[in-house]
Amino acid sequence: MMGYGAYWLFGGWSMWIGMVVWFVIIGLAIWALVSLVERRSNVPQRSALEILQERYARGEISQKEYLQARQDLG
């Protein structure tokens, strides 16, 4: 008789409640992962020329390197 208290108390519903709880937890985890992937894919991509201009503006490259790279990019 020991160990069957929950079964008798809920009449077999405890198994279903446990399954629903796990489905909710798994569903929330999947939703969180999908949201994270969608958020990362919506980040606007910068062009090579924009990156080059930013590097020149920060002083990472010289004017000569900037002009050469801009010419190479077309």
Protein backbone atom coordinates (compact mmCIF):
# COMPACT_ATOMS: atom_id res chain seq x y z
CA MET A 1 0.00 0.00 0.00
CA MET A 2 2.93 2.30 0.50
CA GLY A 3 3.82 4.41 -2.51
CA TYR A 4 0.34 4.42 -4.04
CA GLY A 5 -0.90 7.50 -2.19
CA ALA A 6 -0.66 9.85 -5.15
CA TYR A 7 -2.50 7.38 -7.39
CA TRP A 8 -5.35 7.03 -4.97
CA LEU A 9 -5.41 10.72 -4.18
CA PHE A 10 -5.66 11.92 -7.80
CA GLY A 11 -7.26 8.82 -9.28
CA GLY A 12 -4.64 8.31 -12.01
CA TRP A 13 -4.56 11.95 -13.03
CA SER A 14 -1.10 12.45 -11.53
CA MET A 15 0.49 10.69 -14.50
CA TRP A 16 -1.29 12.97 -16.97
CA ILE A 17 -0.46 16.08 -14.98
CA GLY A 18 3.21 15.10 -14.99
CA MET A 19 3.14 14.57 -18.75
CA VAL A 20 1.50 17.96 -19.33
CA VAL A 21 4.15 19.65 -17.17
CA TRP A 22 6.93 18.04 -19.23
CA PHE A 23 5.25 19.00 -22.52
CA VAL A 24 5.01 22.61 -21.32
CA ILE A 25 8.69 22.65 -20.28
CA ILE A 26 9.81 21.15 -23.61
CA GLY A 27 7.54 23.51 -25.55
CA LEU A 28 8.96 26.56 -23.75
CA ALA A 29 12.52 25.39 -24.44
CA ILE A 30 11.76 24.97 -28.16
CA TRP A 31 10.05 28.37 -28.28
CA ALA A 32 13.07 30.02 -26.61
CA LEU A 33 15.50 28.44 -29.09
CA VAL A 34 13.40 29.43 -32.11
CA SER A 35 13.09 33.00 -30.80
CA LEU A 36 16.85 33.21 -30.32
CA VAL A 37 17.56 31.95 -33.85
CA GLU A 38 15.02 34.35 -35.39
CA ARG A 39 16.44 37.28 -33.45
CA ARG A 40 19.96 36.54 -34.69
CA SER A 41 18.84 36.15 -38.31
CA ASN A 42 17.15 39.58 -38.30
CA VAL A 43 20.44 41.38 -37.68
CA PRO A 44 21.12 43.55 -40.73
CA GLN A 45 24.23 42.55 -42.63
CA ARG A 46 26.76 45.27 -43.38
CA SER A 47 28.40 45.50 -46.77
CA ALA A 48 32.15 45.21 -47.20
CA LEU A 49 32.32 48.89 -48.14
CA GLU A 50 30.55 49.92 -44.92
CA ILE A 51 32.98 47.85 -42.86
CA LEU A 52 35.90 49.39 -44.75
CA GLN A 53 34.57 52.91 -44.10
CA GLU A 54 34.17 52.17 -40.39
CA ARG A 55 37.72 50.84 -40.14
CA TYR A 56 39.06 53.94 -41.86
CA ALA A 57 36.99 56.21 -39.62
CA ARG A 58 38.38 54.49 -36.50
CA GLY A 59 41.91 54.91 -37.81
CA GLU A 60 42.61 51.20 -38.13
CA ILE A 61 43.83 51.58 -41.71
CA SER A 62 45.64 54.36 -43.55
CA GLN A 63 44.23 56.43 -46.40
CA LYS A 64 46.37 54.53 -48.87
CA GLU A 65 45.04 51.16 -47.62
CA TYR A 66 41.49 52.53 -47.66
CA LEU A 67 41.73 53.77 -51.23
CA GLN A 68 43.32 50.54 -52.43
CA ALA A 69 40.69 48.38 -50.71
CA ARG A 70 37.85 50.57 -52.02
CA GLN A 71 39.25 50.22 -55.54
CA ASP A 72 39.51 46.45 -55.11
CA LEU A 73 35.89 46.25 -53.94
CA GLY A 74 34.75 48.15 -57.02
